[in-house]
């Protein structure tokens, strides 16, 4: 008796995908198989490098700097 089903090992999961809309934050989606619903809602896909470059510098102080003088 032979079993016609072949067992395949799934490959690595695809990386996250980044979607954004005007005036809103970014949606990071893992294991996405169909991006159509995001496009229908008006989201644009951005690549990971562009998203990471748009983040503020984590080493910068959140407090404003003191004015010179006085």
PDB file of N, CA and C in Angstrom:
ATOM      1  N   UNK A   1       0.834  -1.181   0.000  1.00  0.00           N
ATOM      2  CA  UNK A   1       0.000   0.000   0.000  1.00  0.00           C
ATOM      3  C   UNK A   1       0.874   1.238   0.000  1.00  0.00           C
ATOM      4  N   UNK A   2       0.597   2.096  -0.893  1.00  0.00           N
ATOM      5  CA  UNK A   2       1.359   3.339  -0.920  1.00  0.00           C
ATOM      6  C   UNK A   2       0.439   4.495  -0.579  1.00  0.00           C
ATOM      7  N   UNK A   3       1.014   5.437   0.024  1.00  0.00           N
ATOM      8  CA  UNK A   3       0.278   6.640   0.383  1.00  0.00           C
ATOM      9  C   UNK A   3       0.632   7.713  -0.632  1.00  0.00           C
ATOM     10  N   UNK A   4      -0.380   8.178  -1.352  1.00  0.00           N
ATOM     11  CA  UNK A   4      -0.125   9.164  -2.403  1.00  0.00           C
ATOM     12  C   UNK A   4       0.088  10.571  -1.871  1.00  0.00           C
ATOM     13  N   UNK A   5      -0.169  10.785  -0.635  1.00  0.00           N
ATOM     14  CA  UNK A   5       0.027  12.132  -0.099  1.00  0.00           C
ATOM     15  C   UNK A   5       1.496  12.325   0.226  1.00  0.00           C
ATOM     16  N   UNK A   6       2.004  13.441  -0.159  1.00  0.00           N
ATOM     17  CA  UNK A   6       3.399  13.755   0.150  1.00  0.00           C
ATOM     18  C   UNK A   6       3.399  14.841   1.209  1.00  0.00           C
ATOM     19  N   UNK A   7       4.235  14.665   2.160  1.00  0.00           N
ATOM     20  CA  UNK A   7       4.329  15.632   3.237  1.00  0.00           C
ATOM     21  C   UNK A   7       5.392  16.648   2.863  1.00  0.00           C
ATOM     22  N   UNK A   8       5.005  17.899   2.870  1.00  0.00           N
ATOM     23  CA  UNK A   8       5.974  18.946   2.569  1.00  0.00           C
ATOM     24  C   UNK A   8       6.176  19.791   3.813  1.00  0.00           C
ATOM     25  N   UNK A   9       7.390  20.180   3.987  1.00  0.00           N
ATOM     26  CA  UNK A   9       7.713  21.051   5.110  1.00  0.00           C
ATOM     27  C   UNK A   9       7.474  22.481   4.660  1.00  0.00           C
ATOM     28  N   UNK A  10       6.650  23.214   5.403  1.00  0.00           N
ATOM     29  CA  UNK A  10       6.422  24.598   4.982  1.00  0.00           C
ATOM     30  C   UNK A  10       7.707  25.399   5.073  1.00  0.00           C
ATOM     31  N   UNK A  11       7.864  26.318   4.157  1.00  0.00           N
ATOM     32  CA  UNK A  11       9.044  27.168   4.159  1.00  0.00           C
ATOM     33  C   UNK A  11       8.938  28.194   5.272  1.00  0.00           C
ATOM     34  N   UNK A  12       9.942  29.011   5.394  1.00  0.00           N
ATOM     35  CA  UNK A  12       9.884  30.040   6.432  1.00  0.00           C
ATOM     36  C   UNK A  12       8.735  31.007   6.155  1.00  0.00           C
ATOM     37  N   UNK A  13       8.147  31.489   7.204  1.00  0.00           N
ATOM     38  CA  UNK A  13       7.033  32.428   7.048  1.00  0.00           C
ATOM     39  C   UNK A  13       7.543  33.698   6.395  1.00  0.00           C
ATOM     40  N   UNK A  14       6.723  34.291   5.533  1.00  0.00           N
ATOM     41  CA  UNK A  14       7.151  35.542   4.913  1.00  0.00           C
ATOM     42  C   UNK A  14       7.292  36.622   5.974  1.00  0.00           C
ATOM     43  N   UNK A  15       8.140  37.575   5.698  1.00  0.00           N
ATOM     44  CA  UNK A  15       8.355  38.660   6.656  1.00  0.00           C
ATOM     45  C   UNK A  15       7.130  39.544   6.774  1.00  0.00           C
ATOM     46  N   UNK A  16       7.174  40.459   7.711  1.00  0.00           N
ATOM     47  CA  UNK A  16       6.037  41.352   7.879  1.00  0.00           C
ATOM     48  C   UNK A  16       5.894  42.295   6.694  1.00  0.00           C
ATOM     49  N   UNK A  17       4.660  42.736   6.484  1.00  0.00           N
ATOM     50  CA  UNK A  17       4.387  43.720   5.434  1.00  0.00           C
ATOM     51  C   UNK A  17       3.798  44.946   6.108  1.00  0.00           C
ATOM     52  N   UNK A  18       4.116  46.112   5.574  1.00  0.00           N
ATOM     53  CA  UNK A  18       3.764  47.376   6.200  1.00  0.00           C
ATOM     54  C   UNK A  18       2.782  48.131   5.308  1.00  0.00           C
ATOM     55  N   UNK A  19       1.670  48.566   5.923  1.00  0.00           N
ATOM     56  CA  UNK A  19       0.639  49.299   5.197  1.00  0.00           C
ATOM     57  C   UNK A  19       0.350  50.589   5.943  1.00  0.00           C
ATOM     58  N   UNK A  20       0.165  51.683   5.207  1.00  0.00           N
ATOM     59  CA  UNK A  20      -0.103  52.970   5.830  1.00  0.00           C
ATOM     60  C   UNK A  20      -1.146  53.735   5.027  1.00  0.00           C
ATOM     61  N   UNK A  21      -1.831  54.641   5.708  1.00  0.00           N
ATOM     62  CA  UNK A  21      -2.751  55.562   5.038  1.00  0.00           C
ATOM     63  C   UNK A  21      -2.419  56.967   5.500  1.00  0.00           C
ATOM     64  N   UNK A  22      -2.873  57.944   4.764  1.00  0.00           N
ATOM     65  CA  UNK A  22      -2.621  59.351   5.071  1.00  0.00           C
ATOM     66  C   UNK A  22      -3.139  59.690   6.473  1.00  0.00           C
ATOM     67  N   UNK A  23      -2.284  60.254   7.294  1.00  0.00           N
ATOM     68  CA  UNK A  23      -2.683  60.706   8.614  1.00  0.00           C
ATOM     69  C   UNK A  23      -2.847  59.623   9.665  1.00  0.00           C
ATOM     70  N   UNK A  24      -2.489  58.402   9.354  1.00  0.00           N
ATOM     71  CA  UNK A  24      -2.611  57.320  10.329  1.00  0.00           C
ATOM     72  C   UNK A  24      -1.269  56.627  10.495  1.00  0.00           C
ATOM     73  N   UNK A  25      -1.218  55.754  11.456  1.00  0.00           N
ATOM     74  CA  UNK A  25      -0.007  54.991  11.709  1.00  0.00           C
ATOM     75  C   UNK A  25       0.174  53.884  10.686  1.00  0.00           C
ATOM     76  N   UNK A  26       1.077  53.005  10.994  1.00  0.00           N
ATOM     77  CA  UNK A  26       1.401  51.901  10.099  1.00  0.00           C
ATOM     78  C   UNK A  26       0.820  50.619  10.666  1.00  0.00           C
ATOM     79  N   UNK A  27       0.242  49.818   9.787  1.00  0.00           N
ATOM     80  CA  UNK A  27      -0.226  48.488  10.159  1.00  0.00           C
ATOM     81  C   UNK A  27       0.867  47.504   9.750  1.00  0.00           C
ATOM     82  N   UNK A  28       1.373  46.754  10.701  1.00  0.00           N
ATOM     83  CA  UNK A  28       2.368  45.718  10.409  1.00  0.00           C
ATOM     84  C   UNK A  28       1.626  44.394  10.436  1.00  0.00           C
ATOM     85  N   UNK A  29       1.669  43.679   9.309  1.00  0.00           N
ATOM     86  CA  UNK A  29       0.882  42.463   9.169  1.00  0.00           C
ATOM     87  C   UNK A  29       1.825  41.286   8.911  1.00  0.00           C
ATOM     88  N   UNK A  30       1.659  40.245   9.712  1.00  0.00           N
ATOM     89  CA  UNK A  30       2.460  39.030   9.568  1.00  0.00           C
ATOM     90  C   UNK A  30       1.610  37.946   8.904  1.00  0.00           C
ATOM     91  N   UNK A  31       2.233  37.070   8.174  1.00  0.00           N
ATOM     92  CA  UNK A  31       1.584  35.911   7.554  1.00  0.00           C
ATOM     93  C   UNK A  31       0.425  36.323   6.637  1.00  0.00           C
ATOM     94  N   UNK A  32       0.617  37.384   5.900  1.00  0.00           N
ATOM     95  CA  UNK A  32      -0.428  37.883   5.001  1.00  0.00           C
ATOM     96  C   UNK A  32      -0.419  37.075   3.712  1.00  0.00           C
ATOM     97  N   UNK A  33      -1.591  36.582   3.336  1.00  0.00           N
ATOM     98  CA  UNK A  33      -1.686  35.834   2.083  1.00  0.00           C
ATOM     99  C   UNK A  33      -2.337  36.650   0.983  1.00  0.00           C
ATOM    100  N   UNK A  34      -3.222  37.590   1.347  1.00  0.00           N
ATOM    101  CA  UNK A  34      -3.913  38.396   0.342  1.00  0.00           C
ATOM    102  C   UNK A  34      -3.986  39.847   0.811  1.00  0.00           C
ATOM    103  N   UNK A  35      -3.223  40.740   0.192  1.00  0.00           N
ATOM    104  CA  UNK A  35      -3.236  42.132   0.625  1.00  0.00           C
ATOM    105  C   UNK A  35      -4.424  42.938   0.087  1.00  0.00           C
ATOM    106  N   UNK A  36      -5.279  42.340  -0.729  1.00  0.00           N
ATOM    107  CA  UNK A  36      -6.385  43.073  -1.366  1.00  0.00           C
ATOM    108  C   UNK A  36      -7.257  43.833  -0.371  1.00  0.00           C
ATOM    109  N   UNK A  37      -7.636  43.262   0.780  1.00  0.00           N
ATOM    110  CA  UNK A  37      -8.474  44.040   1.707  1.00  0.00           C
ATOM    111  C   UNK A  37      -7.816  45.343   2.178  1.00  0.00           C
ATOM    112  N   UNK A  38      -6.512  45.339   2.354  1.00  0.00           N
ATOM    113  CA  UNK A  38      -5.824  46.565   2.768  1.00  0.00           C
ATOM    114  C   UNK A  38      -5.871  47.608   1.660  1.00  0.00           C
ATOM    115  N   UNK A  39      -5.675  47.171   0.414  1.00  0.00           N
ATOM    116  CA  UNK A  39      -5.728  48.105  -0.703  1.00  0.00           C
ATOM    117  C   UNK A  39      -7.139  48.661  -0.871  1.00  0.00           C
ATOM    118  N   UNK A  40      -8.150  47.823  -0.659  1.00  0.00           N
ATOM    119  CA  UNK A  40      -9.539  48.272  -0.776  1.00  0.00           C
ATOM    120  C   UNK A  40      -9.885  49.309   0.289  1.00  0.00           C
ATOM    121  N   UNK A  41      -9.223  49.239   1.440  1.00  0.00           N
ATOM    122  CA  UNK A  41      -9.460  50.214   2.508  1.00  0.00           C
ATOM    123  C   UNK A  41      -8.630  51.485   2.347  1.00  0.00           C
ATOM    124  N   UNK A  42      -7.854  51.567   1.271  1.00  0.00           N
ATOM    125  CA  UNK A  42      -7.083  52.775   0.993  1.00  0.00           C
ATOM    126  C   UNK A  42      -5.671  52.770   1.533  1.00  0.00           C
ATOM    127  N   UNK A  43      -5.187  51.637   1.986  1.00  0.00           N
ATOM    128  CA  UNK A  43      -3.818  51.557   2.488  1.00  0.00           C
ATOM    129  C   UNK A  43      -2.839  51.445   1.327  1.00  0.00           C
ATOM    130  N   UNK A  44      -1.644  51.980   1.544  1.00  0.00           N
ATOM    131  CA  UNK A  44      -0.535  51.812   0.611  1.00  0.00           C
ATOM    132  C   UNK A  44       0.504  50.934   1.286  1.00  0.00           C
ATOM    133  N   UNK A  45       1.123  50.076   0.521  1.00  0.00           N
ATOM    134  CA  UNK A  45       2.180  49.238   1.094  1.00  0.00           C
ATOM    135  C   UNK A  45       3.499  49.994   1.031  1.00  0.00           C
ATOM    136  N   UNK A  46       4.230  49.992   2.137  1.00  0.00           N
ATOM    137  CA  UNK A  46       5.559  50.597   2.180  1.00  0.00           C
ATOM    138  C   UNK A  46       6.556  49.509   2.535  1.00  0.00           C
ATOM    139  N   UNK A  47       7.772  49.660   2.040  1.00  0.00           N
ATOM    140  CA  UNK A  47       8.763  48.629   2.358  1.00  0.00           C
ATOM    141  C   UNK A  47       9.325  48.861   3.760  1.00  0.00           C
ATOM    142  N   UNK A  48       9.902  47.830   4.298  1.00  0.00           N
ATOM    143  CA  UNK A  48      10.381  47.859   5.679  1.00  0.00           C
ATOM    144  C   UNK A  48      11.433  48.939   5.889  1.00  0.00           C
ATOM    145  N   UNK A  49      12.339  49.108   4.943  1.00  0.00           N
ATOM    146  CA  UNK A  49      13.403  50.103   5.099  1.00  0.00           C
ATOM    147  C   UNK A  49      12.822  51.513   5.178  1.00  0.00           C
ATOM    148  N   UNK A  50      11.820  51.819   4.346  1.00  0.00           N
ATOM    149  CA  UNK A  50      11.197  53.144   4.377  1.00  0.00           C
ATOM    150  C   UNK A  50      10.464  53.363   5.691  1.00  0.00           C
ATOM    151  N   UNK A  51       9.805  52.344   6.173  1.00  0.00           N
ATOM    152  CA  UNK A  51       9.097  52.458   7.453  1.00  0.00           C
ATOM    153  C   UNK A  51      10.077  52.712   8.589  1.00  0.00           C
ATOM    154  N   UNK A  52      11.139  51.918   8.656  1.00  0.00           N
ATOM    155  CA  UNK A  52      12.108  52.066   9.733  1.00  0.00           C
ATOM    156  C   UNK A  52      12.810  53.421   9.667  1.00  0.00           C
ATOM    157  N   UNK A  53      13.049  53.938   8.456  1.00  0.00           N
ATOM    158  CA  UNK A  53      13.693  55.237   8.309  1.00  0.00           C
ATOM    159  C   UNK A  53      12.779  56.365   8.771  1.00  0.00           C
ATOM    160  N   UNK A  54      11.471  56.160   8.753  1.00  0.00           N
ATOM    161  CA  UNK A  54      10.541  57.210   9.154  1.00  0.00           C
ATOM    162  C   UNK A  54      10.353  57.292  10.667  1.00  0.00           C
ATOM    163  N   UNK A  55      10.851  56.313  11.416  1.00  0.00           N
ATOM    164  CA  UNK A  55      10.711  56.320  12.867  1.00  0.00           C
ATOM    165  C   UNK A  55      11.643  57.354  13.489  1.00  0.00           C
ATOM    166  N   UNK A  56      11.237  57.957  14.609  1.00  0.00           N
ATOM    167  CA  UNK A  56      12.129  58.919  15.267  1.00  0.00           C
ATOM    168  C   UNK A  56      13.354  58.226  15.842  1.00  0.00           C
ATOM    169  N   UNK A  57      14.395  58.995  16.035  1.00  0.00           N
ATOM    170  CA  UNK A  57      15.641  58.473  16.592  1.00  0.00           C
ATOM    171  C   UNK A  57      15.409  58.080  18.048  1.00  0.00           C
ATOM    172  N   UNK A  58      15.584  56.793  18.399  1.00  0.00           N
ATOM    173  CA  UNK A  58      15.311  56.375  19.778  1.00  0.00           C
ATOM    174  C   UNK A  58      16.306  56.928  20.791  1.00  0.00           C
ATOM    175  N   UNK A  59      17.470  57.381  20.324  1.00  0.00           N
ATOM    176  CA  UNK A  59      18.456  57.919  21.260  1.00  0.00           C
ATOM    177  C   UNK A  59      18.251  59.410  21.515  1.00  0.00           C
ATOM    178  N   UNK A  60      17.373  60.056  20.744  1.00  0.00           N
ATOM    179  CA  UNK A  60      17.121  61.484  20.933  1.00  0.00           C
ATOM    180  C   UNK A  60      16.235  61.700  22.165  1.00  0.00           C
ATOM    181  N   UNK A  61      16.478  62.772  22.861  1.00  0.00           N
ATOM    182  CA  UNK A  61      15.695  63.092  24.056  1.00  0.00           C
ATOM    183  C   UNK A  61      14.298  63.566  23.647  1.00  0.00           C
ATOM    184  N   UNK A  62      13.265  63.132  24.354  1.00  0.00           N
ATOM    185  CA  UNK A  62      11.921  63.606  24.036  1.00  0.00           C
ATOM    186  C   UNK A  62      11.674  65.024  24.544  1.00  0.00           C
ATOM    187  N   UNK A  63      12.594  65.554  25.364  1.00  0.00           N
ATOM    188  CA  UNK A  63      12.437  66.890  25.911  1.00  0.00           C
ATOM    189  C   UNK A  63      13.073  67.924  24.983  1.00  0.00           C
ATOM    190  N   UNK A  64      12.476  69.097  24.892  1.00  0.00           N
ATOM    191  CA  UNK A  64      13.087  70.141  24.039  1.00  0.00           C
ATOM    192  C   UNK A  64      14.396  70.612  24.645  1.00  0.00           C
ATOM    193  N   UNK A  65      15.263  71.077  23.789  1.00  0.00           N
ATOM    194  CA  UNK A  65      16.554  71.572  24.266  1.00  0.00           C
ATOM    195  C   UNK A  65      16.372  72.981  24.844  1.00  0.00           C
ATOM    196  N   UNK A  66      17.213  73.326  25.774  1.00  0.00           N
ATOM    197  CA  UNK A  66      17.157  74.649  26.394  1.00  0.00           C
ATOM    198  C   UNK A  66      17.650  75.696  25.406  1.00  0.00           C
ATOM    199  N   UNK A  67      17.023  76.858  25.371  1.00  0.00           N
ATOM    200  CA  UNK A  67      17.482  77.904  24.446  1.00  0.00           C
ATOM    201  C   UNK A  67      18.855  78.443  24.887  1.00  0.00           C
ATOM    202  N   UNK A  68      19.630  78.853  23.918  1.00  0.00           N
ATOM    203  CA  UNK A  68      20.951  79.430  24.205  1.00  0.00           C
ATOM    204  C   UNK A  68      20.760  80.827  24.794  1.00  0.00           C
ATOM    205  N   UNK A  69      21.684  81.229  25.627  1.00  0.00           N
ATOM    206  CA  UNK A  69      21.627  82.576  26.200  1.00  0.00           C
ATOM    207  C   UNK A  69      21.206  82.535  27.649  1.00  0.00           C
ATOM    208  N   UNK A  70      20.814  83.686  28.148  1.00  0.00           N
ATOM    209  CA  UNK A  70      20.404  83.867  29.548  1.00  0.00           C
ATOM    210  C   UNK A  70      21.517  83.511  30.460  1.00  0.00           C
TER     211      UNK A  70
END
